[in-house]
Amino acid sequence: MVKLHSRAYALLFPSIWESPLPYVVLESMLMGTIPIAARTGVPEVVVGSPAEDYLFMPGDVYEFMDKIGAVLTQSKDYLLDVGVKLREHVLKLFNTEYVEK
């Protein structure tokens, strides 16, 4: 999995199923891979991160394709910077001190 994420710019997660804690999206963000995900249970995890820009309405194929296109048109430096921010976001969300508060 680590090798795959190191070569991928984005994770495609078009699930229409409501998921309270989408592990696949969290793992993707931890690996610095942008999740392109439907707005079904995912927004709570990505709020305040660059991944918010890559959410789409469930079932909207055109918006899904637009989000894929948005990733493909970005520079490698931008994608790496976003990846670092995504990782930091998830680590902050699940920081022991933060969760205890």
PDB file of N, CA and C in Angstrom:
ATOM      1  N   MET A   1       0.822  -1.199   0.000  1.00  0.00           N
ATOM      2  CA  MET A   1       0.000   0.000   0.000  1.00  0.00           C
ATOM      3  C   MET A   1       0.866   1.263   0.000  1.00  0.00           C
ATOM      4  N   VAL A   2       1.925   1.240   0.785  1.00  0.00           N
ATOM      5  CA  VAL A   2       2.796   2.420   0.864  1.00  0.00           C
ATOM      6  C   VAL A   2       3.371   2.729  -0.516  1.00  0.00           C
ATOM      7  N   LYS A   3       3.793   1.699  -1.219  1.00  0.00           N
ATOM      8  CA  LYS A   3       4.370   1.890  -2.557  1.00  0.00           C
ATOM      9  C   LYS A   3       3.332   2.468  -3.521  1.00  0.00           C
ATOM     10  N   LEU A   4       2.100   1.990  -3.442  1.00  0.00           N
ATOM     11  CA  LEU A   4       1.044   2.512  -4.307  1.00  0.00           C
ATOM     12  C   LEU A   4       0.767   3.987  -4.026  1.00  0.00           C
ATOM     13  N   HIS A   5       0.676   4.339  -2.745  1.00  0.00           N
ATOM     14  CA  HIS A   5       0.408   5.737  -2.394  1.00  0.00           C
ATOM     15  C   HIS A   5       1.562   6.641  -2.794  1.00  0.00           C
ATOM     16  N   SER A   6       2.770   6.136  -2.769  1.00  0.00           N
ATOM     17  CA  SER A   6       3.920   6.959  -3.141  1.00  0.00           C
ATOM     18  C   SER A   6       3.899   7.301  -4.627  1.00  0.00           C
ATOM     19  N   ARG A   7       3.163   6.532  -5.416  1.00  0.00           N
ATOM     20  CA  ARG A   7       3.088   6.761  -6.862  1.00  0.00           C
ATOM     21  C   ARG A   7       1.774   7.410  -7.275  1.00  0.00           C
ATOM     22  N   ALA A   8       0.830   7.527  -6.366  1.00  0.00           N
ATOM     23  CA  ALA A   8      -0.505   8.051  -6.703  1.00  0.00           C
ATOM     24  C   ALA A   8      -0.643   9.512  -6.291  1.00  0.00           C
ATOM     25  N   TYR A   9      -1.379  10.259  -7.088  1.00  0.00           N
ATOM     26  CA  TYR A   9      -1.682  11.645  -6.741  1.00  0.00           C
ATOM     27  C   TYR A   9      -2.997  11.749  -5.986  1.00  0.00           C
ATOM     28  N   ALA A  10      -3.905  10.813  -6.256  1.00  0.00           N
ATOM     29  CA  ALA A  10      -5.227  10.894  -5.639  1.00  0.00           C
ATOM     30  C   ALA A  10      -5.818   9.506  -5.434  1.00  0.00           C
ATOM     31  N   LEU A  11      -6.727   9.450  -4.467  1.00  0.00           N
ATOM     32  CA  LEU A  11      -7.526   8.253  -4.214  1.00  0.00           C
ATOM     33  C   LEU A  11      -8.935   8.557  -4.705  1.00  0.00           C
ATOM     34  N   LEU A  12      -9.503   7.680  -5.513  1.00  0.00           N
ATOM     35  CA  LEU A  12     -10.872   7.862  -5.989  1.00  0.00           C
ATOM     36  C   LEU A  12     -11.794   7.094  -5.063  1.00  0.00           C
ATOM     37  N   PHE A  13     -12.690   7.814  -4.385  1.00  0.00           N
ATOM     38  CA  PHE A  13     -13.583   7.219  -3.393  1.00  0.00           C
ATOM     39  C   PHE A  13     -15.013   7.683  -3.663  1.00  0.00           C
ATOM     40  N   PRO A  14     -15.656   7.131  -4.726  1.00  0.00           N
ATOM     41  CA  PRO A  14     -16.992   7.579  -5.101  1.00  0.00           C
ATOM     42  C   PRO A  14     -18.120   6.875  -4.356  1.00  0.00           C
ATOM     43  N   SER A  15     -17.874   6.431  -3.160  1.00  0.00           N
ATOM     44  CA  SER A  15     -18.873   5.685  -2.398  1.00  0.00           C
ATOM     45  C   SER A  15     -20.132   6.513  -2.156  1.00  0.00           C
ATOM     46  N   ILE A  16     -21.279   5.868  -2.276  1.00  0.00           N
ATOM     47  CA  ILE A  16     -22.545   6.548  -1.973  1.00  0.00           C
ATOM     48  C   ILE A  16     -23.074   6.090  -0.613  1.00  0.00           C
ATOM     49  N   TRP A  17     -22.317   5.255   0.059  1.00  0.00           N
ATOM     50  CA  TRP A  17     -22.694   4.711   1.365  1.00  0.00           C
ATOM     51  C   TRP A  17     -22.236   5.663   2.460  1.00  0.00           C
ATOM     52  N   GLU A  18     -23.124   6.013   3.370  1.00  0.00           N
ATOM     53  CA  GLU A  18     -22.795   6.895   4.490  1.00  0.00           C
ATOM     54  C   GLU A  18     -21.850   6.166   5.438  1.00  0.00           C
ATOM     55  N   SER A  19     -20.662   6.715   5.618  1.00  0.00           N
ATOM     56  CA  SER A  19     -19.653   6.084   6.470  1.00  0.00           C
ATOM     57  C   SER A  19     -19.242   7.072   7.560  1.00  0.00           C
ATOM     58  N   PRO A  20     -19.429   6.734   8.836  1.00  0.00           N
ATOM     59  CA  PRO A  20     -19.112   7.672   9.900  1.00  0.00           C
ATOM     60  C   PRO A  20     -17.609   7.920  10.079  1.00  0.00           C
ATOM     61  N   LEU A  21     -16.788   6.962   9.697  1.00  0.00           N
ATOM     62  CA  LEU A  21     -15.340   7.144   9.808  1.00  0.00           C
ATOM     63  C   LEU A  21     -14.674   6.353   8.674  1.00  0.00           C
ATOM     64  N   PRO A  22     -14.534   6.992   7.514  1.00  0.00           N
ATOM     65  CA  PRO A  22     -14.009   6.293   6.337  1.00  0.00           C
ATOM     66  C   PRO A  22     -12.496   6.071   6.433  1.00  0.00           C
ATOM     67  N   TYR A  23     -12.117   4.881   6.878  1.00  0.00           N
ATOM     68  CA  TYR A  23     -10.701   4.571   7.077  1.00  0.00           C
ATOM     69  C   TYR A  23      -9.882   4.754   5.810  1.00  0.00           C
ATOM     70  N   VAL A  24     -10.448   4.403   4.676  1.00  0.00           N
ATOM     71  CA  VAL A  24      -9.712   4.518   3.418  1.00  0.00           C
ATOM     72  C   VAL A  24      -9.312   5.966   3.171  1.00  0.00           C
ATOM     73  N   VAL A  25     -10.218   6.893   3.445  1.00  0.00           N
ATOM     74  CA  VAL A  25      -9.931   8.317   3.255  1.00  0.00           C
ATOM     75  C   VAL A  25      -8.875   8.776   4.257  1.00  0.00           C
ATOM     76  N   LEU A  26      -8.995   8.355   5.496  1.00  0.00           N
ATOM     77  CA  LEU A  26      -8.000   8.724   6.504  1.00  0.00           C
ATOM     78  C   LEU A  26      -6.622   8.189   6.150  1.00  0.00           C
ATOM     79  N   GLU A  27      -6.556   6.935   5.729  1.00  0.00           N
ATOM     80  CA  GLU A  27      -5.274   6.343   5.349  1.00  0.00           C
ATOM     81  C   GLU A  27      -4.674   7.083   4.159  1.00  0.00           C
ATOM     82  N   SER A  28      -5.514   7.448   3.218  1.00  0.00           N
ATOM     83  CA  SER A  28      -5.064   8.192   2.055  1.00  0.00           C
ATOM     84  C   SER A  28      -4.438   9.518   2.480  1.00  0.00           C
ATOM     85  N   MET A  29      -5.136  10.240   3.341  1.00  0.00           N
ATOM     86  CA  MET A  29      -4.638  11.532   3.804  1.00  0.00           C
ATOM     87  C   MET A  29      -3.342  11.370   4.590  1.00  0.00           C
ATOM     88  N   LEU A  30      -3.246  10.334   5.411  1.00  0.00           N
ATOM     89  CA  LEU A  30      -2.019  10.076   6.159  1.00  0.00           C
ATOM     90  C   LEU A  30      -0.835   9.804   5.234  1.00  0.00           C
ATOM     91  N   MET A  31      -1.121   9.211   4.084  1.00  0.00           N
ATOM     92  CA  MET A  31      -0.070   8.905   3.115  1.00  0.00           C
ATOM     93  C   MET A  31       0.215  10.084   2.184  1.00  0.00           C
ATOM     94  N   GLY A  32      -0.531  11.181   2.360  1.00  0.00           N
ATOM     95  CA  GLY A  32      -0.319  12.358   1.532  1.00  0.00           C
ATOM     96  C   GLY A  32      -0.960  12.260   0.161  1.00  0.00           C
ATOM     97  N   THR A  33      -1.961  11.394   0.031  1.00  0.00           N
ATOM     98  CA  THR A  33      -2.678  11.211  -1.226  1.00  0.00           C
ATOM     99  C   THR A  33      -4.031  11.912  -1.116  1.00  0.00           C
ATOM    100  N   ILE A  34      -4.349  12.742  -2.091  1.00  0.00           N
ATOM    101  CA  ILE A  34      -5.596  13.507  -2.059  1.00  0.00           C
ATOM    102  C   ILE A  34      -6.795  12.587  -2.265  1.00  0.00           C
ATOM    103  N   PRO A  35      -7.747  12.580  -1.329  1.00  0.00           N
ATOM    104  CA  PRO A  35      -8.958  11.786  -1.553  1.00  0.00           C
ATOM    105  C   PRO A  35      -9.983  12.583  -2.361  1.00  0.00           C
ATOM    106  N   ILE A  36     -10.372  12.036  -3.481  1.00  0.00           N
ATOM    107  CA  ILE A  36     -11.471  12.604  -4.258  1.00  0.00           C
ATOM    108  C   ILE A  36     -12.673  11.772  -3.848  1.00  0.00           C
ATOM    109  N   ALA A  37     -13.511  12.348  -3.000  1.00  0.00           N
ATOM    110  CA  ALA A  37     -14.548  11.556  -2.338  1.00  0.00           C
ATOM    111  C   ALA A  37     -15.919  12.212  -2.423  1.00  0.00           C
ATOM    112  N   ALA A  38     -16.932  11.343  -2.405  1.00  0.00           N
ATOM    113  CA  ALA A  38     -18.314  11.813  -2.357  1.00  0.00           C
ATOM    114  C   ALA A  38     -18.593  12.362  -0.952  1.00  0.00           C
ATOM    115  N   ARG A  39     -19.499  13.305  -0.875  1.00  0.00           N
ATOM    116  CA  ARG A  39     -19.854  13.931   0.407  1.00  0.00           C
ATOM    117  C   ARG A  39     -20.784  13.036   1.218  1.00  0.00           C
ATOM    118  N   THR A  40     -20.383  11.829   1.510  1.00  0.00           N
ATOM    119  CA  THR A  40     -21.194  10.905   2.302  1.00  0.00           C
ATOM    120  C   THR A  40     -20.386  10.421   3.491  1.00  0.00           C
ATOM    121  N   GLY A  41     -20.455  11.141   4.575  1.00  0.00           N
ATOM    122  CA  GLY A  41     -19.741  10.747   5.780  1.00  0.00           C
ATOM    123  C   GLY A  41     -18.315  11.248   5.827  1.00  0.00           C
ATOM    124  N   VAL A  42     -17.809  11.721   4.700  1.00  0.00           N
ATOM    125  CA  VAL A  42     -16.419  12.154   4.609  1.00  0.00           C
ATOM    126  C   VAL A  42     -16.199  13.583   5.114  1.00  0.00           C
ATOM    127  N   PRO A  43     -17.132  14.518   4.907  1.00  0.00           N
ATOM    128  CA  PRO A  43     -16.866  15.910   5.270  1.00  0.00           C
ATOM    129  C   PRO A  43     -16.370  16.131   6.697  1.00  0.00           C
ATOM    130  N   GLU A  44     -16.851  15.349   7.644  1.00  0.00           N
ATOM    131  CA  GLU A  44     -16.419  15.550   9.029  1.00  0.00           C
ATOM    132  C   GLU A  44     -14.919  15.339   9.192  1.00  0.00           C
ATOM    133  N   VAL A  45     -14.347  14.477   8.382  1.00  0.00           N
ATOM    134  CA  VAL A  45     -12.927  14.148   8.473  1.00  0.00           C
ATOM    135  C   VAL A  45     -12.065  15.165   7.736  1.00  0.00           C
ATOM    136  N   VAL A  46     -12.574  15.718   6.637  1.00  0.00           N
ATOM    137  CA  VAL A  46     -11.763  16.592   5.803  1.00  0.00           C
ATOM    138  C   VAL A  46     -11.974  18.086   6.056  1.00  0.00           C
ATOM    139  N   VAL A  47     -12.926  18.447   6.904  1.00  0.00           N
ATOM    140  CA  VAL A  47     -13.190  19.864   7.181  1.00  0.00           C
ATOM    141  C   VAL A  47     -11.913  20.542   7.670  1.00  0.00           C
ATOM    142  N   GLY A  48     -11.592  21.653   7.037  1.00  0.00           N
ATOM    143  CA  GLY A  48     -10.410  22.408   7.424  1.00  0.00           C
ATOM    144  C   GLY A  48      -9.134  21.946   6.739  1.00  0.00           C
ATOM    145  N   SER A  49      -9.251  21.019   5.805  1.00  0.00           N
ATOM    146  CA  SER A  49      -8.070  20.537   5.082  1.00  0.00           C
ATOM    147  C   SER A  49      -8.244  20.808   3.589  1.00  0.00           C
ATOM    148  N   PRO A  50      -7.163  20.718   2.826  1.00  0.00           N
ATOM    149  CA  PRO A  50      -7.280  20.904   1.377  1.00  0.00           C
ATOM    150  C   PRO A  50      -8.184  19.861   0.707  1.00  0.00           C
ATOM    151  N   ALA A  51      -8.436  18.753   1.362  1.00  0.00           N
ATOM    152  CA  ALA A  51      -9.287  17.705   0.788  1.00  0.00           C
ATOM    153  C   ALA A  51     -10.727  18.173   0.600  1.00  0.00           C
ATOM    154  N   GLU A  52     -11.131  19.213   1.318  1.00  0.00           N
ATOM    155  CA  GLU A  52     -12.491  19.758   1.148  1.00  0.00           C
ATOM    156  C   GLU A  52     -12.745  20.175  -0.293  1.00  0.00           C
ATOM    157  N   ASP A  53     -11.703  20.656  -0.960  1.00  0.00           N
ATOM    158  CA  ASP A  53     -11.836  21.122  -2.341  1.00  0.00           C
ATOM    159  C   ASP A  53     -12.100  19.990  -3.326  1.00  0.00           C
ATOM    160  N   TYR A  54     -11.906  18.756  -2.883  1.00  0.00           N
ATOM    161  CA  TYR A  54     -12.025  17.610  -3.782  1.00  0.00           C
ATOM    162  C   TYR A  54     -13.225  16.720  -3.455  1.00  0.00           C
ATOM    163  N   LEU A  55     -14.181  17.249  -2.698  1.00  0.00           N
ATOM    164  CA  LEU A  55     -15.419  16.514  -2.425  1.00  0.00           C
ATOM    165  C   LEU A  55     -16.420  16.800  -3.541  1.00  0.00           C
ATOM    166  N   PHE A  56     -17.263  15.824  -3.828  1.00  0.00           N
ATOM    167  CA  PHE A  56     -18.286  16.010  -4.851  1.00  0.00           C
ATOM    168  C   PHE A  56     -19.601  15.397  -4.375  1.00  0.00           C
ATOM    169  N   MET A  57     -20.687  15.818  -4.994  1.00  0.00           N
ATOM    170  CA  MET A  57     -22.002  15.302  -4.639  1.00  0.00           C
ATOM    171  C   MET A  57     -22.118  13.845  -5.080  1.00  0.00           C
ATOM    172  N   PRO A  58     -22.626  12.970  -4.205  1.00  0.00           N
ATOM    173  CA  PRO A  58     -22.763  11.556  -4.568  1.00  0.00           C
ATOM    174  C   PRO A  58     -23.581  11.379  -5.853  1.00  0.00           C
ATOM    175  N   GLY A  59     -23.066  10.572  -6.758  1.00  0.00           N
ATOM    176  CA  GLY A  59     -23.768  10.279  -7.991  1.00  0.00           C
ATOM    177  C   GLY A  59     -23.551  11.282  -9.115  1.00  0.00           C
ATOM    178  N   ASP A  60     -22.879  12.399  -8.822  1.00  0.00           N
ATOM    179  CA  ASP A  60     -22.648  13.419  -9.849  1.00  0.00           C
ATOM    180  C   ASP A  60     -21.343  13.100 -10.586  1.00  0.00           C
ATOM    181  N   VAL A  61     -21.473  12.365 -11.676  1.00  0.00           N
ATOM    182  CA  VAL A  61     -20.306  11.908 -12.434  1.00  0.00           C
ATOM    183  C   VAL A  61     -19.515  13.078 -13.005  1.00  0.00           C
ATOM    184  N   TYR A  62     -20.193  14.129 -13.418  1.00  0.00           N
ATOM    185  CA  TYR A  62     -19.511  15.272 -14.021  1.00  0.00           C
ATOM    186  C   TYR A  62     -18.660  16.015 -12.988  1.00  0.00           C
ATOM    187  N   GLU A  63     -19.203  16.185 -11.797  1.00  0.00           N
ATOM    188  CA  GLU A  63     -18.426  16.840 -10.741  1.00  0.00           C
ATOM    189  C   GLU A  63     -17.246  15.952 -10.329  1.00  0.00           C
ATOM    190  N   PHE A  64     -17.464  14.640 -10.274  1.00  0.00           N
ATOM    191  CA  PHE A  64     -16.403  13.681  -9.972  1.00  0.00           C
ATOM    192  C   PHE A  64     -15.262  13.824 -10.988  1.00  0.00           C
ATOM    193  N   MET A  65     -15.610  13.879 -12.259  1.00  0.00           N
ATOM    194  CA  MET A  65     -14.601  14.033 -13.308  1.00  0.00           C
ATOM    195  C   MET A  65     -13.894  15.384 -13.210  1.00  0.00           C
ATOM    196  N   ASP A  66     -14.625  16.425 -12.842  1.00  0.00           N
ATOM    197  CA  ASP A  66     -14.006  17.745 -12.663  1.00  0.00           C
ATOM    198  C   ASP A  66     -12.958  17.708 -11.560  1.00  0.00           C
ATOM    199  N   LYS A  67     -13.242  17.007 -10.477  1.00  0.00           N
ATOM    200  CA  LYS A  67     -12.295  16.913  -9.357  1.00  0.00           C
ATOM    201  C   LYS A  67     -11.043  16.137  -9.772  1.00  0.00           C
ATOM    202  N   ILE A  68     -11.239  15.082 -10.575  1.00  0.00           N
ATOM    203  CA  ILE A  68     -10.087  14.336 -11.095  1.00  0.00           C
ATOM    204  C   ILE A  68      -9.246  15.253 -11.981  1.00  0.00           C
ATOM    205  N   GLY A  69      -9.913  15.990 -12.847  1.00  0.00           N
ATOM    206  CA  GLY A  69      -9.213  16.938 -13.713  1.00  0.00           C
ATOM    207  C   GLY A  69      -8.465  17.998 -12.931  1.00  0.00           C
ATOM    208  N   ALA A  70      -9.054  18.450 -11.827  1.00  0.00           N
ATOM    209  CA  ALA A  70      -8.404  19.462 -10.996  1.00  0.00           C
ATOM    210  C   ALA A  70      -7.081  18.945 -10.428  1.00  0.00           C
ATOM    211  N   VAL A  71      -7.050  17.684 -10.034  1.00  0.00           N
ATOM    212  CA  VAL A  71      -5.803  17.101  -9.523  1.00  0.00           C
ATOM    213  C   VAL A  71      -4.789  16.961 -10.656  1.00  0.00           C
ATOM    214  N   LEU A  72      -5.236  16.478 -11.802  1.00  0.00           N
ATOM    215  CA  LEU A  72      -4.325  16.215 -12.917  1.00  0.00           C
ATOM    216  C   LEU A  72      -3.689  17.475 -13.496  1.00  0.00           C
ATOM    217  N   THR A  73      -4.309  18.629 -13.277  1.00  0.00           N
ATOM    218  CA  THR A  73      -3.764  19.878 -13.825  1.00  0.00           C
ATOM    219  C   THR A  73      -2.817  20.589 -12.857  1.00  0.00           C
ATOM    220  N   GLN A  74      -2.659  20.058 -11.652  1.00  0.00           N
ATOM    221  CA  GLN A  74      -1.790  20.696 -10.661  1.00  0.00           C
ATOM    222  C   GLN A  74      -0.330  20.283 -10.854  1.00  0.00           C
ATOM    223  N   SER A  75       0.565  21.133 -10.400  1.00  0.00           N
ATOM    224  CA  SER A  75       1.997  20.812 -10.475  1.00  0.00           C
ATOM    225  C   SER A  75       2.358  19.786  -9.407  1.00  0.00           C
ATOM    226  N   LYS A  76       3.447  19.110  -9.623  1.00  0.00           N
ATOM    227  CA  LYS A  76       3.907  18.109  -8.657  1.00  0.00           C
ATOM    228  C   LYS A  76       4.208  18.766  -7.311  1.00  0.00           C
ATOM    229  N   ASP A  77       4.798  19.959  -7.338  1.00  0.00           N
ATOM    230  CA  ASP A  77       5.100  20.677  -6.087  1.00  0.00           C
ATOM    231  C   ASP A  77       3.826  20.978  -5.301  1.00  0.00           C
ATOM    232  N   TYR A  78       2.784  21.415  -6.011  1.00  0.00           N
ATOM    233  CA  TYR A  78       1.506  21.694  -5.351  1.00  0.00           C
ATOM    234  C   TYR A  78       0.957  20.424  -4.710  1.00  0.00           C
ATOM    235  N   LEU A  79       0.967  19.326  -5.456  1.00  0.00           N
ATOM    236  CA  LEU A  79       0.433  18.064  -4.949  1.00  0.00           C
ATOM    237  C   LEU A  79       1.211  17.572  -3.729  1.00  0.00           C
ATOM    238  N   LEU A  80       2.517  17.738  -3.744  1.00  0.00           N
ATOM    239  CA  LEU A  80       3.331  17.342  -2.583  1.00  0.00           C
ATOM    240  C   LEU A  80       3.014  18.213  -1.380  1.00  0.00           C
ATOM    241  N   ASP A  81       2.830  19.517  -1.612  1.00  0.00           N
ATOM    242  CA  ASP A  81       2.487  20.445  -0.524  1.00  0.00           C
ATOM    243  C   ASP A  81       1.123  20.089   0.074  1.00  0.00           C
ATOM    244  N   VAL A  82       0.158  19.806  -0.768  1.00  0.00           N
ATOM    245  CA  VAL A  82      -1.170  19.402  -0.298  1.00  0.00           C
ATOM    246  C   VAL A  82      -1.059  18.100   0.494  1.00  0.00           C
ATOM    247  N   GLY A  83      -0.259  17.164   0.020  1.00  0.00           N
ATOM    248  CA  GLY A  83      -0.073  15.897   0.719  1.00  0.00           C
ATOM    249  C   GLY A  83       0.452  16.083   2.126  1.00  0.00           C
ATOM    250  N   VAL A  84       1.401  16.983   2.290  1.00  0.00           N
ATOM    251  CA  VAL A  84       1.946  17.275   3.621  1.00  0.00           C
ATOM    252  C   VAL A  84       0.859  17.864   4.513  1.00  0.00           C
ATOM    253  N   LYS A  85       0.069  18.773   3.982  1.00  0.00           N
ATOM    254  CA  LYS A  85      -1.007  19.400   4.761  1.00  0.00           C
ATOM    255  C   LYS A  85      -2.070  18.376   5.164  1.00  0.00           C
ATOM    256  N   LEU A  86      -2.374  17.448   4.265  1.00  0.00           N
ATOM    257  CA  LEU A  86      -3.364  16.413   4.581  1.00  0.00           C
ATOM    258  C   LEU A  86      -2.882  15.532   5.722  1.00  0.00           C
ATOM    259  N   ARG A  87      -1.621  15.138   5.659  1.00  0.00           N
ATOM    260  CA  ARG A  87      -1.041  14.297   6.721  1.00  0.00           C
ATOM    261  C   ARG A  87      -1.079  15.029   8.061  1.00  0.00           C
ATOM    262  N   GLU A  88      -0.666  16.283   8.070  1.00  0.00           N
ATOM    263  CA  GLU A  88      -0.680  17.081   9.299  1.00  0.00           C
ATOM    264  C   GLU A  88      -2.093  17.204   9.861  1.00  0.00           C
ATOM    265  N   HIS A  89      -3.061  17.378   8.974  1.00  0.00           N
ATOM    266  CA  HIS A  89      -4.458  17.521   9.396  1.00  0.00           C
ATOM    267  C   HIS A  89      -4.939  16.275  10.141  1.00  0.00           C
ATOM    268  N   VAL A  90      -4.680  15.100   9.572  1.00  0.00           N
ATOM    269  CA  VAL A  90      -5.136  13.852  10.199  1.00  0.00           C
ATOM    270  C   VAL A  90      -4.392  13.612  11.508  1.00  0.00           C
ATOM    271  N   LEU A  91      -3.107  13.881  11.533  1.00  0.00           N
ATOM    272  CA  LEU A  91      -2.345  13.687  12.774  1.00  0.00           C
ATOM    273  C   LEU A  91      -2.862  14.605  13.879  1.00  0.00           C
ATOM    274  N   LYS A  92      -3.271  15.818  13.508  1.00  0.00           N
ATOM    275  CA  LYS A  92      -3.834  16.745  14.491  1.00  0.00           C
ATOM    276  C   LYS A  92      -5.197  16.247  14.987  1.00  0.00           C
ATOM    277  N   LEU A  93      -6.038  15.757  14.053  1.00  0.00           N
ATOM    278  CA  LEU A  93      -7.364  15.258  14.431  1.00  0.00           C
ATOM    279  C   LEU A  93      -7.293  14.122  15.446  1.00  0.00           C
ATOM    280  N   PHE A  94      -6.298  13.286  15.318  1.00  0.00           N
ATOM    281  CA  PHE A  94      -6.210  12.109  16.165  1.00  0.00           C
ATOM    282  C   PHE A  94      -5.062  12.194  17.173  1.00  0.00           C
ATOM    283  N   ASN A  95      -4.628  13.410  17.449  1.00  0.00           N
ATOM    284  CA  ASN A  95      -3.641  13.653  18.477  1.00  0.00           C
ATOM    285  C   ASN A  95      -4.268  13.324  19.829  1.00  0.00           C
ATOM    286  N   THR A  96      -3.548  12.562  20.649  1.00  0.00           N
ATOM    287  CA  THR A  96      -4.085  12.104  21.924  1.00  0.00           C
ATOM    288  C   THR A  96      -4.550  13.261  22.810  1.00  0.00           C
ATOM    289  N   GLU A  97      -3.746  14.304  22.932  1.00  0.00           N
ATOM    290  CA  GLU A  97      -4.124  15.437  23.772  1.00  0.00           C
ATOM    291  C   GLU A  97      -5.374  16.127  23.228  1.00  0.00           C
ATOM    292  N   TYR A  98      -5.463  16.283  21.917  1.00  0.00           N
ATOM    293  CA  TYR A  98      -6.611  16.926  21.297  1.00  0.00           C
ATOM    294  C   TYR A  98      -7.876  16.109  21.521  1.00  0.00           C
ATOM    295  N   VAL A  99      -7.780  14.803  21.351  1.00  0.00           N
ATOM    296  CA  VAL A  99      -8.934  13.928  21.529  1.00  0.00           C
ATOM    297  C   VAL A  99      -9.388  13.927  22.989  1.00  0.00           C
ATOM    298  N   GLU A 100      -8.456  13.945  23.925  1.00  0.00           N
ATOM    299  CA  GLU A 100      -8.815  13.961  25.350  1.00  0.00           C
ATOM    300  C   GLU A 100      -9.567  15.229  25.723  1.00  0.00           C
ATOM    301  N   LYS A 101      -9.190  16.360  25.124  1.00  0.00           N
ATOM    302  CA  LYS A 101      -9.870  17.637  25.417  1.00  0.00           C
ATOM    303  C   LYS A 101     -11.277  17.592  24.867  1.00  0.00           C
TER     304      LYS A 101
END
